[in-house]
Amino acid sequence: MPCFQAILPDRRWELTIPRSRLMNELILSITIEPLEEGGYLATSDDLPGLIAQGRTIAETIEIAQDVAHKLIESYAVHGDPLPPKIAAAIGQPQRRTKIKIPVGLSFEPAPA
């Protein structure tokens, strides 16, 4: 059975999860900030190395998702220890999570 393997941060434990039990997503905290020159920048304290830049918040989130996926995959492929919060989230059951999403507007809202 194909498995996902990663070394946890203390390098003493190896995590092996059958792909059939591996969750498809995890919730990753990111920070998005506007850039002076326009656009947005996303970073994550939970996943060092995640840096994504986009023209809109939605585009920045999409790029950040792709970068996060590739970073986590790289940790696994190279046998590097996963960052602690990522290692803790893998294999955990999904739970209710409240997130905010960007919604683009094509008009100027009326003043309140």
N, C-alpha and C. Protein backbone atom coordinates (compact mmCIF):
# COMPACT_ATOMS: atom_id res chain seq x y z
N MET A 1 0.85 -1.18 0.00
CA MET A 1 0.00 0.00 0.00
C MET A 1 0.90 1.24 0.00
N PRO A 2 0.68 2.20 -0.92
CA PRO A 2 1.50 3.41 -0.94
C PRO A 2 1.34 4.20 0.37
N CYS A 3 2.43 4.74 0.85
CA CYS A 3 2.41 5.47 2.12
C CYS A 3 3.07 6.83 1.95
N PHE A 4 2.74 7.73 2.86
CA PHE A 4 3.38 9.02 2.96
C PHE A 4 4.32 8.92 4.16
N GLN A 5 5.59 9.24 3.98
CA GLN A 5 6.54 9.18 5.09
C GLN A 5 7.18 10.54 5.29
N ALA A 6 7.35 10.92 6.51
CA ALA A 6 8.05 12.16 6.84
C ALA A 6 8.70 12.00 8.20
N ILE A 7 9.82 12.65 8.38
CA ILE A 7 10.50 12.62 9.67
C ILE A 7 10.00 13.81 10.48
N LEU A 8 9.56 13.54 11.68
CA LEU A 8 9.06 14.61 12.53
C LEU A 8 10.21 15.47 13.04
N PRO A 9 9.91 16.69 13.52
CA PRO A 9 10.96 17.67 13.84
C PRO A 9 12.09 17.19 14.73
N ASP A 10 11.84 16.31 15.68
CA ASP A 10 12.93 15.90 16.57
C ASP A 10 13.80 14.80 15.95
N ARG A 11 13.48 14.37 14.73
CA ARG A 11 14.21 13.38 13.96
C ARG A 11 14.26 12.00 14.63
N ARG A 12 13.56 11.80 15.73
CA ARG A 12 13.56 10.49 16.39
C ARG A 12 12.37 9.65 15.96
N TRP A 13 11.38 10.27 15.37
CA TRP A 13 10.17 9.56 15.00
C TRP A 13 9.95 9.66 13.50
N GLU A 14 9.53 8.59 12.92
CA GLU A 14 9.17 8.60 11.51
C GLU A 14 7.67 8.37 11.42
N LEU A 15 7.02 9.20 10.66
CA LEU A 15 5.58 9.13 10.51
C LEU A 15 5.26 8.42 9.20
N THR A 16 4.53 7.33 9.27
CA THR A 16 4.11 6.61 8.07
C THR A 16 2.59 6.48 8.13
N ILE A 17 1.94 7.05 7.14
CA ILE A 17 0.48 7.03 7.10
C ILE A 17 0.06 6.42 5.77
N PRO A 18 -0.73 5.35 5.77
CA PRO A 18 -1.21 4.82 4.50
C PRO A 18 -1.96 5.92 3.74
N ARG A 19 -1.73 6.04 2.45
CA ARG A 19 -2.38 7.08 1.65
C ARG A 19 -3.89 7.04 1.78
N SER A 20 -4.45 5.88 2.00
CA SER A 20 -5.90 5.78 2.13
C SER A 20 -6.40 6.50 3.38
N ARG A 21 -5.52 6.72 4.36
CA ARG A 21 -5.92 7.40 5.60
C ARG A 21 -5.41 8.83 5.66
N LEU A 22 -4.65 9.24 4.67
CA LEU A 22 -4.06 10.58 4.67
C LEU A 22 -5.12 11.60 4.29
N MET A 23 -5.26 12.64 5.10
CA MET A 23 -6.25 13.66 4.76
C MET A 23 -5.80 14.42 3.52
N ASN A 24 -6.74 14.96 2.81
CA ASN A 24 -6.45 15.66 1.57
C ASN A 24 -6.05 17.11 1.78
N GLU A 25 -6.41 17.68 2.91
CA GLU A 25 -6.13 19.08 3.16
C GLU A 25 -5.78 19.29 4.63
N LEU A 26 -5.07 20.36 4.90
CA LEU A 26 -4.90 20.82 6.27
C LEU A 26 -5.07 22.33 6.25
N ILE A 27 -5.42 22.88 7.38
CA ILE A 27 -5.62 24.32 7.48
C ILE A 27 -4.31 24.94 7.92
N LEU A 28 -3.81 25.87 7.12
CA LEU A 28 -2.52 26.53 7.36
C LEU A 28 -2.77 28.01 7.61
N SER A 29 -2.22 28.53 8.67
CA SER A 29 -2.35 29.96 8.95
C SER A 29 -1.35 30.75 8.11
N ILE A 30 -1.85 31.77 7.43
CA ILE A 30 -0.98 32.65 6.67
C ILE A 30 -1.30 34.09 7.03
N THR A 31 -0.34 34.96 6.78
CA THR A 31 -0.53 36.39 6.96
C THR A 31 -0.45 37.04 5.59
N ILE A 32 -1.43 37.87 5.27
CA ILE A 32 -1.44 38.57 3.99
C ILE A 32 -1.37 40.06 4.27
N GLU A 33 -0.44 40.71 3.59
CA GLU A 33 -0.30 42.16 3.77
C GLU A 33 -0.21 42.86 2.41
N PRO A 34 -0.79 44.05 2.35
CA PRO A 34 -0.71 44.80 1.09
C PRO A 34 0.71 45.33 0.89
N LEU A 35 1.14 45.39 -0.36
CA LEU A 35 2.44 45.94 -0.69
C LEU A 35 2.30 47.37 -1.19
N GLU A 36 3.27 48.21 -0.88
CA GLU A 36 3.22 49.61 -1.29
C GLU A 36 3.09 49.76 -2.79
N GLU A 37 3.80 48.90 -3.54
CA GLU A 37 3.79 49.00 -4.99
C GLU A 37 2.56 48.36 -5.61
N GLY A 38 1.65 47.84 -4.79
CA GLY A 38 0.45 47.16 -5.26
C GLY A 38 0.59 45.67 -5.09
N GLY A 39 -0.51 45.00 -5.00
CA GLY A 39 -0.50 43.57 -4.80
C GLY A 39 -0.41 43.21 -3.32
N TYR A 40 -0.23 41.93 -3.08
CA TYR A 40 -0.25 41.41 -1.71
C TYR A 40 0.85 40.37 -1.53
N LEU A 41 1.29 40.22 -0.29
CA LEU A 41 2.32 39.26 0.06
C LEU A 41 1.79 38.35 1.16
N ALA A 42 1.97 37.04 0.98
CA ALA A 42 1.56 36.06 2.00
C ALA A 42 2.78 35.35 2.55
N THR A 43 2.81 35.17 3.87
CA THR A 43 3.84 34.41 4.55
C THR A 43 3.16 33.55 5.61
N SER A 44 3.90 32.60 6.17
CA SER A 44 3.34 31.74 7.21
C SER A 44 4.38 31.48 8.29
N ASP A 45 4.00 31.71 9.53
CA ASP A 45 4.86 31.35 10.66
C ASP A 45 4.90 29.84 10.85
N ASP A 46 3.85 29.15 10.39
CA ASP A 46 3.76 27.70 10.55
C ASP A 46 4.56 26.92 9.51
N LEU A 47 4.84 27.55 8.37
CA LEU A 47 5.57 26.88 7.29
C LEU A 47 6.66 27.82 6.77
N PRO A 48 7.83 27.80 7.43
CA PRO A 48 8.93 28.66 7.01
C PRO A 48 9.25 28.46 5.52
N GLY A 49 9.51 29.54 4.84
CA GLY A 49 9.83 29.48 3.42
C GLY A 49 8.63 29.78 2.54
N LEU A 50 7.43 29.79 3.13
CA LEU A 50 6.26 30.11 2.33
C LEU A 50 6.22 31.62 2.12
N ILE A 51 6.42 32.02 0.89
CA ILE A 51 6.31 33.42 0.49
C ILE A 51 5.58 33.42 -0.84
N ALA A 52 4.46 34.14 -0.92
CA ALA A 52 3.68 34.19 -2.15
C ALA A 52 3.24 35.62 -2.40
N GLN A 53 3.29 36.04 -3.64
CA GLN A 53 2.89 37.39 -4.01
C GLN A 53 1.88 37.31 -5.14
N GLY A 54 0.82 38.11 -5.05
CA GLY A 54 -0.19 38.14 -6.10
C GLY A 54 -0.77 39.52 -6.27
N ARG A 55 -1.55 39.68 -7.34
CA ARG A 55 -2.17 40.98 -7.62
C ARG A 55 -3.37 41.23 -6.73
N THR A 56 -4.10 40.16 -6.38
CA THR A 56 -5.27 40.27 -5.52
C THR A 56 -5.09 39.34 -4.33
N ILE A 57 -5.95 39.50 -3.32
CA ILE A 57 -5.88 38.60 -2.17
C ILE A 57 -6.18 37.17 -2.61
N ALA A 58 -7.19 37.00 -3.45
CA ALA A 58 -7.56 35.66 -3.91
C ALA A 58 -6.40 35.00 -4.67
N GLU A 59 -5.76 35.75 -5.56
CA GLU A 59 -4.62 35.21 -6.30
C GLU A 59 -3.47 34.87 -5.36
N THR A 60 -3.23 35.71 -4.37
CA THR A 60 -2.16 35.48 -3.41
C THR A 60 -2.43 34.20 -2.61
N ILE A 61 -3.68 33.98 -2.21
CA ILE A 61 -4.04 32.76 -1.49
C ILE A 61 -3.82 31.54 -2.37
N GLU A 62 -4.23 31.63 -3.62
CA GLU A 62 -4.07 30.51 -4.54
C GLU A 62 -2.59 30.16 -4.73
N ILE A 63 -1.76 31.18 -4.89
CA ILE A 63 -0.32 30.96 -5.04
C ILE A 63 0.26 30.38 -3.75
N ALA A 64 -0.19 30.91 -2.60
CA ALA A 64 0.30 30.41 -1.30
C ALA A 64 -0.06 28.94 -1.12
N GLN A 65 -1.25 28.53 -1.57
CA GLN A 65 -1.63 27.12 -1.47
C GLN A 65 -0.68 26.25 -2.29
N ASP A 66 -0.36 26.69 -3.48
CA ASP A 66 0.54 25.93 -4.35
C ASP A 66 1.95 25.84 -3.75
N VAL A 67 2.44 26.97 -3.23
CA VAL A 67 3.76 27.00 -2.62
C VAL A 67 3.79 26.09 -1.39
N ALA A 68 2.75 26.14 -0.55
CA ALA A 68 2.68 25.30 0.64
C ALA A 68 2.71 23.83 0.26
N HIS A 69 1.92 23.46 -0.74
CA HIS A 69 1.88 22.07 -1.21
C HIS A 69 3.28 21.62 -1.64
N LYS A 70 3.96 22.44 -2.41
CA LYS A 70 5.28 22.08 -2.92
C LYS A 70 6.32 22.02 -1.79
N LEU A 71 6.23 22.93 -0.83
CA LEU A 71 7.16 22.90 0.30
C LEU A 71 6.99 21.63 1.12
N ILE A 72 5.75 21.29 1.45
CA ILE A 72 5.48 20.11 2.26
C ILE A 72 5.91 18.85 1.51
N GLU A 73 5.63 18.82 0.23
CA GLU A 73 6.05 17.69 -0.61
C GLU A 73 7.58 17.58 -0.63
N SER A 74 8.27 18.71 -0.69
CA SER A 74 9.73 18.72 -0.71
C SER A 74 10.30 18.17 0.60
N TYR A 75 9.69 18.55 1.73
CA TYR A 75 10.13 18.01 3.03
C TYR A 75 10.07 16.49 2.99
N ALA A 76 8.95 15.97 2.49
CA ALA A 76 8.74 14.51 2.47
C ALA A 76 9.72 13.83 1.52
N VAL A 77 9.88 14.37 0.32
CA VAL A 77 10.75 13.76 -0.68
C VAL A 77 12.20 13.72 -0.22
N HIS A 78 12.65 14.77 0.45
CA HIS A 78 14.04 14.86 0.88
C HIS A 78 14.28 14.29 2.28
N GLY A 79 13.21 13.82 2.94
CA GLY A 79 13.36 13.23 4.27
C GLY A 79 13.66 14.25 5.35
N ASP A 80 13.34 15.50 5.09
CA ASP A 80 13.57 16.55 6.09
C ASP A 80 12.44 16.55 7.11
N PRO A 81 12.72 16.99 8.34
CA PRO A 81 11.66 17.04 9.34
C PRO A 81 10.63 18.11 8.97
N LEU A 82 9.37 17.78 9.16
CA LEU A 82 8.30 18.74 8.92
C LEU A 82 8.28 19.78 10.02
N PRO A 83 7.88 21.01 9.72
CA PRO A 83 7.69 22.00 10.79
C PRO A 83 6.66 21.45 11.80
N PRO A 84 6.83 21.75 13.08
CA PRO A 84 6.00 21.16 14.13
C PRO A 84 4.49 21.25 13.90
N LYS A 85 3.98 22.42 13.52
CA LYS A 85 2.53 22.57 13.35
C LYS A 85 2.02 21.77 12.15
N ILE A 86 2.85 21.62 11.13
CA ILE A 86 2.45 20.82 9.97
C ILE A 86 2.44 19.35 10.35
N ALA A 87 3.49 18.91 11.04
CA ALA A 87 3.56 17.50 11.48
C ALA A 87 2.38 17.16 12.38
N ALA A 88 2.00 18.08 13.26
CA ALA A 88 0.89 17.83 14.17
C ALA A 88 -0.44 17.74 13.43
N ALA A 89 -0.58 18.47 12.33
CA ALA A 89 -1.84 18.50 11.59
C ALA A 89 -2.03 17.29 10.69
N ILE A 90 -0.94 16.67 10.26
CA ILE A 90 -1.05 15.53 9.34
C ILE A 90 -1.64 14.34 10.07
N GLY A 91 -2.65 13.77 9.48
CA GLY A 91 -3.29 12.60 10.05
C GLY A 91 -4.34 12.90 11.10
N GLN A 92 -4.49 14.16 11.46
CA GLN A 92 -5.50 14.54 12.44
C GLN A 92 -6.86 14.67 11.74
N PRO A 93 -7.93 14.32 12.45
CA PRO A 93 -9.25 14.48 11.83
C PRO A 93 -9.54 15.95 11.60
N GLN A 94 -10.28 16.23 10.54
CA GLN A 94 -10.68 17.61 10.27
C GLN A 94 -11.62 18.06 11.37
N ARG A 95 -11.53 19.30 11.74
CA ARG A 95 -12.44 19.85 12.74
C ARG A 95 -13.01 21.14 12.19
N ARG A 96 -14.00 21.62 12.84
CA ARG A 96 -14.64 22.86 12.40
C ARG A 96 -13.63 23.99 12.51
N THR A 97 -13.50 24.74 11.43
CA THR A 97 -12.55 25.84 11.37
C THR A 97 -13.23 27.04 10.74
N LYS A 98 -13.05 28.18 11.35
CA LYS A 98 -13.62 29.41 10.81
C LYS A 98 -12.51 30.13 10.06
N ILE A 99 -12.75 30.42 8.77
CA ILE A 99 -11.79 31.16 7.98
C ILE A 99 -12.50 32.30 7.27
N LYS A 100 -11.74 33.29 6.88
CA LYS A 100 -12.27 34.42 6.12
C LYS A 100 -11.84 34.25 4.68
N ILE A 101 -12.72 34.57 3.74
CA ILE A 101 -12.40 34.45 2.33
C ILE A 101 -12.53 35.81 1.65
N PRO A 102 -11.71 36.06 0.64
CA PRO A 102 -11.85 37.31 -0.11
C PRO A 102 -13.01 37.21 -1.09
N VAL A 103 -13.76 38.28 -1.23
CA VAL A 103 -14.86 38.34 -2.19
C VAL A 103 -14.65 39.60 -3.02
N GLY A 104 -14.42 39.42 -4.31
CA GLY A 104 -14.20 40.56 -5.19
C GLY A 104 -15.51 41.30 -5.48
N LEU A 105 -15.44 42.61 -5.50
CA LEU A 105 -16.60 43.44 -5.81
C LEU A 105 -16.33 44.22 -7.08
N SER A 106 -17.32 44.27 -7.95
CA SER A 106 -17.14 45.02 -9.19
C SER A 106 -17.86 46.36 -9.15
N PHE A 107 -18.25 46.78 -7.95
CA PHE A 107 -18.93 48.06 -7.78
C PHE A 107 -18.47 48.69 -6.47
N GLU A 108 -18.73 49.95 -6.33
CA GLU A 108 -18.39 50.68 -5.11
C GLU A 108 -19.58 50.60 -4.17
N PRO A 109 -19.43 49.98 -2.98
CA PRO A 109 -20.57 49.89 -2.04
C PRO A 109 -21.03 51.28 -1.60
N ALA A 110 -22.32 51.41 -1.37
CA ALA A 110 -22.87 52.68 -0.89
C ALA A 110 -22.40 52.93 0.53
N PRO A 111 -22.16 54.18 0.90
CA PRO A 111 -21.73 54.48 2.29
C PRO A 111 -22.80 54.06 3.30
N ALA A 112 -22.34 53.59 4.44
CA ALA A 112 -23.26 53.11 5.48
C ALA A 112 -23.89 54.25 6.22
